[in-house]
Amino acid sequence: MKTFKKQKTLRPTTGKVREALFDILRGKIENTRFLDLYAGTGAVGIDALNEGAAEVVFVEESKGNAKKISEFMGEKRLSEKTAVITKKVLSFIDRAELNRFSFDIIFLDPPYHTDEIMHVLSAIEKSPLLKQKGIVIAEHFAKKKLPEKFDGLQKVKEYNYGDTVLSFYEKR
């Protein structure tokens, strides 16, 4: 995979955590619509494609990173299975209903030391973005405890990897 110039704010999901994530999702990802929020380098969404996702949408605020993801998708001839959206995540979620977006699996990895994760999980719960019985996976700092419920989202599992936690929510 192509490497991207590291930005000060970019903190890619580590290879160890990505490997664990896709071990957990094995058998559940084939033919799904996958949303990679805060896509950064696009590594998680690319792994989803490699595991058989039918379509991946990358949402990345940085124009430079979004352009690199798009270029990579073009080089690998994956453009027809992907969309790269350069937008703030909350703005994207707000417009999801207008654009008729819905996904089986949503992965989000917002900046660790902010409350953005709480706002985004709440926005996802209120939007039509997640299909019934869909899964939301939130990557976050281990010291940040996420609630068990966000109205229609129920935490079903948590996996710890050092300072990183993957919290899995299902739509109820």
C-alpha atoms as a PDB file:
ATOM      1  CA  MET A   1       0.000   0.000   0.000  1.00  0.00           C
ATOM      2  CA  LYS A   2       1.131   3.530  -0.728  1.00  0.00           C
ATOM      3  CA  THR A   3       2.314   5.547   2.238  1.00  0.00           C
ATOM      4  CA  PHE A   4       1.064   9.048   2.857  1.00  0.00           C
ATOM      5  CA  LYS A   5       2.962  11.975   4.231  1.00  0.00           C
ATOM      6  CA  LYS A   6       2.185  12.109   7.909  1.00  0.00           C
ATOM      7  CA  GLN A   7       0.443  15.214   9.190  1.00  0.00           C
ATOM      8  CA  LYS A   8       0.667  16.450  12.734  1.00  0.00           C
ATOM      9  CA  THR A   9      -2.996  15.593  13.382  1.00  0.00           C
ATOM     10  CA  LEU A  10      -3.029  12.302  11.507  1.00  0.00           C
ATOM     11  CA  ARG A  11      -2.959   9.234  13.752  1.00  0.00           C
ATOM     12  CA  PRO A  12      -3.574   6.204  11.553  1.00  0.00           C
ATOM     13  CA  THR A  13      -5.123   3.076  13.023  1.00  0.00           C
ATOM     14  CA  THR A  14      -2.178   0.816  13.757  1.00  0.00           C
ATOM     15  CA  GLY A  15      -1.624  -2.349  11.772  1.00  0.00           C
ATOM     16  CA  LYS A  16      -2.157  -4.418  14.913  1.00  0.00           C
ATOM     17  CA  VAL A  17      -5.547  -2.830  15.591  1.00  0.00           C
ATOM     18  CA  ARG A  18      -6.609  -3.092  11.918  1.00  0.00           C
ATOM     19  CA  GLU A  19      -5.638  -6.758  11.859  1.00  0.00           C
ATOM     20  CA  ALA A  20      -7.633  -7.397  15.037  1.00  0.00           C
ATOM     21  CA  LEU A  21     -10.600  -5.441  13.671  1.00  0.00           C
ATOM     22  CA  PHE A  22     -10.781  -7.490  10.501  1.00  0.00           C
ATOM     23  CA  ASP A  23     -10.287 -10.732  12.428  1.00  0.00           C
ATOM     24  CA  ILE A  24     -13.388  -9.762  14.438  1.00  0.00           C
ATOM     25  CA  LEU A  25     -15.315  -8.825  11.266  1.00  0.00           C
ATOM     26  CA  ARG A  26     -14.248 -11.886   9.267  1.00  0.00           C
ATOM     27  CA  GLY A  27     -17.302 -13.425   7.658  1.00  0.00           C
ATOM     28  CA  LYS A  28     -19.427 -10.327   8.320  1.00  0.00           C
ATOM     29  CA  ILE A  29     -17.968  -7.885   5.817  1.00  0.00           C
ATOM     30  CA  GLU A  30     -18.452  -9.543   2.442  1.00  0.00           C
ATOM     31  CA  ASN A  31     -20.885  -7.654   0.169  1.00  0.00           C
ATOM     32  CA  THR A  32     -21.483  -4.903   2.751  1.00  0.00           C
ATOM     33  CA  ARG A  33     -21.572  -1.146   2.355  1.00  0.00           C
ATOM     34  CA  PHE A  34     -18.750   0.155   4.583  1.00  0.00           C
ATOM     35  CA  LEU A  35     -18.282   3.749   5.764  1.00  0.00           C
ATOM     36  CA  ASP A  36     -14.833   4.921   6.875  1.00  0.00           C
ATOM     37  CA  LEU A  37     -15.276   8.180   8.814  1.00  0.00           C
ATOM     38  CA  TYR A  38     -12.132  10.234   9.513  1.00  0.00           C
ATOM     39  CA  ALA A  39     -10.520   8.125   6.795  1.00  0.00           C
ATOM     40  CA  GLY A  40      -7.039   9.655   7.093  1.00  0.00           C
ATOM     41  CA  THR A  41      -4.852   7.428   4.926  1.00  0.00           C
ATOM     42  CA  GLY A  42      -7.797   5.234   3.956  1.00  0.00           C
ATOM     43  CA  ALA A  43      -6.150   2.102   5.365  1.00  0.00           C
ATOM     44  CA  VAL A  44      -9.246   0.813   7.183  1.00  0.00           C
ATOM     45  CA  GLY A  45     -11.502   1.254   4.152  1.00  0.00           C
ATOM     46  CA  ILE A  46      -8.894  -0.342   1.891  1.00  0.00           C
ATOM     47  CA  ASP A  47      -8.746  -3.322   4.246  1.00  0.00           C
ATOM     48  CA  ALA A  48     -12.565  -3.515   4.085  1.00  0.00           C
ATOM     49  CA  LEU A  49     -12.355  -3.749   0.288  1.00  0.00           C
ATOM     50  CA  ASN A  50      -9.705  -6.462   0.593  1.00  0.00           C
ATOM     51  CA  GLU A  51     -12.051  -8.395   2.915  1.00  0.00           C
ATOM     52  CA  GLY A  52     -14.880  -8.292   0.360  1.00  0.00           C
ATOM     53  CA  ALA A  53     -16.897  -5.134   1.054  1.00  0.00           C
ATOM     54  CA  ALA A  54     -19.047  -4.337  -1.977  1.00  0.00           C
ATOM     55  CA  GLU A  55     -18.611  -0.592  -1.552  1.00  0.00           C
ATOM     56  CA  VAL A  56     -16.587   1.718   0.674  1.00  0.00           C
ATOM     57  CA  VAL A  57     -17.208   5.407   1.241  1.00  0.00           C
ATOM     58  CA  PHE A  58     -14.308   7.376   2.711  1.00  0.00           C
ATOM     59  CA  VAL A  59     -15.079  10.654   4.501  1.00  0.00           C
ATOM     60  CA  GLU A  60     -11.992  12.777   5.093  1.00  0.00           C
ATOM     61  CA  GLU A  61     -11.844  16.462   5.910  1.00  0.00           C
ATOM     62  CA  SER A  62      -8.280  16.977   4.618  1.00  0.00           C
ATOM     63  CA  LYS A  63      -8.335  17.710   0.894  1.00  0.00           C
ATOM     64  CA  GLY A  64      -4.788  16.403   0.555  1.00  0.00           C
ATOM     65  CA  ASN A  65      -5.540  13.071   2.212  1.00  0.00           C
ATOM     66  CA  ALA A  66      -8.806  12.697   0.302  1.00  0.00           C
ATOM     67  CA  LYS A  67      -6.985  13.335  -2.971  1.00  0.00           C
ATOM     68  CA  LYS A  68      -4.371  10.687  -2.126  1.00  0.00           C
ATOM     69  CA  ILE A  69      -7.088   8.138  -1.303  1.00  0.00           C
ATOM     70  CA  SER A  70      -8.834   8.922  -4.620  1.00  0.00           C
ATOM     71  CA  GLU A  71      -5.587   8.606  -6.558  1.00  0.00           C
ATOM     72  CA  PHE A  72      -4.825   5.274  -4.887  1.00  0.00           C
ATOM     73  CA  MET A  73      -8.316   3.965  -5.706  1.00  0.00           C
ATOM     74  CA  GLY A  74      -7.816   5.014  -9.328  1.00  0.00           C
ATOM     75  CA  GLU A  75      -4.406   3.322  -9.538  1.00  0.00           C
ATOM     76  CA  LYS A  76      -5.842   0.086  -8.127  1.00  0.00           C
ATOM     77  CA  ARG A  77      -8.914   0.371 -10.386  1.00  0.00           C
ATOM     78  CA  LEU A  78     -11.247   0.437  -7.399  1.00  0.00           C
ATOM     79  CA  SER A  79     -12.956   3.748  -8.159  1.00  0.00           C
ATOM     80  CA  GLU A  80     -16.241   2.059  -9.135  1.00  0.00           C
ATOM     81  CA  LYS A  81     -16.456   0.451  -5.661  1.00  0.00           C
ATOM     82  CA  THR A  82     -15.504   3.566  -3.717  1.00  0.00           C
ATOM     83  CA  ALA A  83     -16.401   7.178  -3.111  1.00  0.00           C
ATOM     84  CA  VAL A  84     -14.164   9.706  -1.405  1.00  0.00           C
ATOM     85  CA  ILE A  85     -15.976  12.627   0.194  1.00  0.00           C
ATOM     86  CA  THR A  86     -14.042  15.663   1.370  1.00  0.00           C
ATOM     87  CA  LYS A  87     -16.195  16.996   4.161  1.00  0.00           C
ATOM     88  CA  LYS A  88     -16.372  17.326   7.922  1.00  0.00           C
ATOM     89  CA  VAL A  89     -17.888  14.172   9.372  1.00  0.00           C
ATOM     90  CA  LEU A  90     -20.804  15.866  11.154  1.00  0.00           C
ATOM     91  CA  SER A  91     -21.708  17.745   7.949  1.00  0.00           C
ATOM     92  CA  PHE A  92     -21.632  14.481   6.025  1.00  0.00           C
ATOM     93  CA  ILE A  93     -23.922  12.820   8.587  1.00  0.00           C
ATOM     94  CA  ASP A  94     -26.323  15.794   8.489  1.00  0.00           C
ATOM     95  CA  ARG A  95     -26.675  15.348   4.724  1.00  0.00           C
ATOM     96  CA  ALA A  96     -26.892  11.539   4.776  1.00  0.00           C
ATOM     97  CA  GLU A  97     -30.673  11.483   4.485  1.00  0.00           C
ATOM     98  CA  LEU A  98     -30.626  13.894   1.539  1.00  0.00           C
ATOM     99  CA  ASN A  99     -28.061  11.739  -0.237  1.00  0.00           C
ATOM    100  CA  ARG A 100     -29.839   8.482   0.713  1.00  0.00           C
ATOM    101  CA  PHE A 101     -26.691   7.033   2.216  1.00  0.00           C
ATOM    102  CA  SER A 102     -26.990   3.920   4.389  1.00  0.00           C
ATOM    103  CA  PHE A 103     -24.342   1.453   5.513  1.00  0.00           C
ATOM    104  CA  ASP A 104     -23.984  -1.978   7.067  1.00  0.00           C
ATOM    105  CA  ILE A 105     -20.755  -1.109   8.892  1.00  0.00           C
ATOM    106  CA  ILE A 106     -19.541   2.304  10.017  1.00  0.00           C
ATOM    107  CA  PHE A 107     -16.010   2.741  11.322  1.00  0.00           C
ATOM    108  CA  LEU A 108     -15.006   5.986  13.022  1.00  0.00           C
ATOM    109  CA  ASP A 109     -11.688   7.082  14.413  1.00  0.00           C
ATOM    110  CA  PRO A 110     -11.998  10.741  15.432  1.00  0.00           C
ATOM    111  CA  PRO A 111      -9.227  12.701  17.172  1.00  0.00           C
ATOM    112  CA  TYR A 112      -8.644  10.997  20.528  1.00  0.00           C
ATOM    113  CA  HIS A 113      -8.464  13.984  22.847  1.00  0.00           C
ATOM    114  CA  THR A 114     -11.752  15.643  21.874  1.00  0.00           C
ATOM    115  CA  ASP A 115     -15.434  14.991  22.567  1.00  0.00           C
ATOM    116  CA  GLU A 116     -16.111  14.598  18.860  1.00  0.00           C
ATOM    117  CA  ILE A 117     -16.724  10.864  19.215  1.00  0.00           C
ATOM    118  CA  MET A 118     -19.742  11.532  21.459  1.00  0.00           C
ATOM    119  CA  HIS A 119     -21.240  14.009  18.984  1.00  0.00           C
ATOM    120  CA  VAL A 120     -20.681  11.688  16.032  1.00  0.00           C
ATOM    121  CA  LEU A 121     -22.162   8.600  17.723  1.00  0.00           C
ATOM    122  CA  SER A 122     -25.202  10.641  18.739  1.00  0.00           C
ATOM    123  CA  ALA A 123     -25.560  12.002  15.185  1.00  0.00           C
ATOM    124  CA  ILE A 124     -25.263   8.504  13.678  1.00  0.00           C
ATOM    125  CA  GLU A 125     -27.947   7.218  16.024  1.00  0.00           C
ATOM    126  CA  LYS A 126     -30.342   9.976  14.908  1.00  0.00           C
ATOM    127  CA  SER A 127     -29.600   9.650  11.189  1.00  0.00           C
ATOM    128  CA  PRO A 128     -30.641   7.040   8.600  1.00  0.00           C
ATOM    129  CA  LEU A 129     -26.940   6.325   7.983  1.00  0.00           C
ATOM    130  CA  LEU A 130     -26.853   2.926   9.700  1.00  0.00           C
ATOM    131  CA  LYS A 131     -28.964   0.102   8.304  1.00  0.00           C
ATOM    132  CA  GLN A 132     -31.126  -1.935  10.661  1.00  0.00           C
ATOM    133  CA  LYS A 133     -28.866  -4.493  12.393  1.00  0.00           C
ATOM    134  CA  GLY A 134     -25.862  -2.468  11.255  1.00  0.00           C
ATOM    135  CA  ILE A 135     -22.648  -2.142  13.246  1.00  0.00           C
ATOM    136  CA  VAL A 136     -20.799   0.992  14.348  1.00  0.00           C
ATOM    137  CA  ILE A 137     -17.190   0.566  15.402  1.00  0.00           C
ATOM    138  CA  ALA A 138     -15.682   3.456  17.331  1.00  0.00           C
ATOM    139  CA  GLU A 139     -11.937   3.553  17.852  1.00  0.00           C
ATOM    140  CA  HIS A 140     -11.011   5.641  20.876  1.00  0.00           C
ATOM    141  CA  PHE A 141      -8.482   6.299  23.608  1.00  0.00           C
ATOM    142  CA  ALA A 142      -8.640   3.693  26.390  1.00  0.00           C
ATOM    143  CA  LYS A 143      -9.095   6.349  29.076  1.00  0.00           C
ATOM    144  CA  LYS A 144     -12.270   7.588  27.358  1.00  0.00           C
ATOM    145  CA  LYS A 145     -15.223   5.455  28.433  1.00  0.00           C
ATOM    146  CA  LEU A 146     -18.125   5.421  26.030  1.00  0.00           C
ATOM    147  CA  PRO A 147     -21.721   4.947  27.183  1.00  0.00           C
ATOM    148  CA  GLU A 148     -23.421   1.566  26.885  1.00  0.00           C
ATOM    149  CA  LYS A 149     -26.286   3.153  24.911  1.00  0.00           C
ATOM    150  CA  PHE A 150     -27.071   6.031  22.570  1.00  0.00           C
ATOM    151  CA  ASP A 151     -30.860   5.668  22.346  1.00  0.00           C
ATOM    152  CA  GLY A 152     -31.039   3.279  19.352  1.00  0.00           C
ATOM    153  CA  LEU A 153     -27.390   2.194  19.524  1.00  0.00           C
ATOM    154  CA  GLN A 154     -26.378  -0.459  22.049  1.00  0.00           C
ATOM    155  CA  LYS A 155     -22.766  -1.286  22.886  1.00  0.00           C
ATOM    156  CA  VAL A 156     -22.304  -5.007  22.361  1.00  0.00           C
ATOM    157  CA  LYS A 157     -18.565  -5.478  22.808  1.00  0.00           C
ATOM    158  CA  GLU A 158     -15.318  -3.695  23.599  1.00  0.00           C
ATOM    159  CA  TYR A 159     -11.825  -4.797  22.624  1.00  0.00           C
ATOM    160  CA  ASN A 160      -8.720  -3.306  24.257  1.00  0.00           C
ATOM    161  CA  TYR A 161      -5.346  -2.931  22.512  1.00  0.00           C
ATOM    162  CA  GLY A 162      -3.062  -0.964  24.815  1.00  0.00           C
ATOM    163  CA  ASP A 163      -4.140   2.694  24.646  1.00  0.00           C
ATOM    164  CA  THR A 164      -6.700   1.908  21.941  1.00  0.00           C
ATOM    165  CA  VAL A 165     -10.217   0.539  22.352  1.00  0.00           C
ATOM    166  CA  LEU A 166     -12.652  -0.618  19.680  1.00  0.00           C
ATOM    167  CA  SER A 167     -16.242  -0.225  20.886  1.00  0.00           C
ATOM    168  CA  PHE A 168     -18.868  -2.056  18.840  1.00  0.00           C
ATOM    169  CA  TYR A 169     -22.432  -0.752  18.731  1.00  0.00           C
ATOM    170  CA  GLU A 170     -25.471  -2.290  17.039  1.00  0.00           C
ATOM    171  CA  LYS A 171     -28.636  -0.558  15.927  1.00  0.00           C
ATOM    172  CA  ARG A 172     -31.575  -1.743  18.039  1.00  0.00           C
END
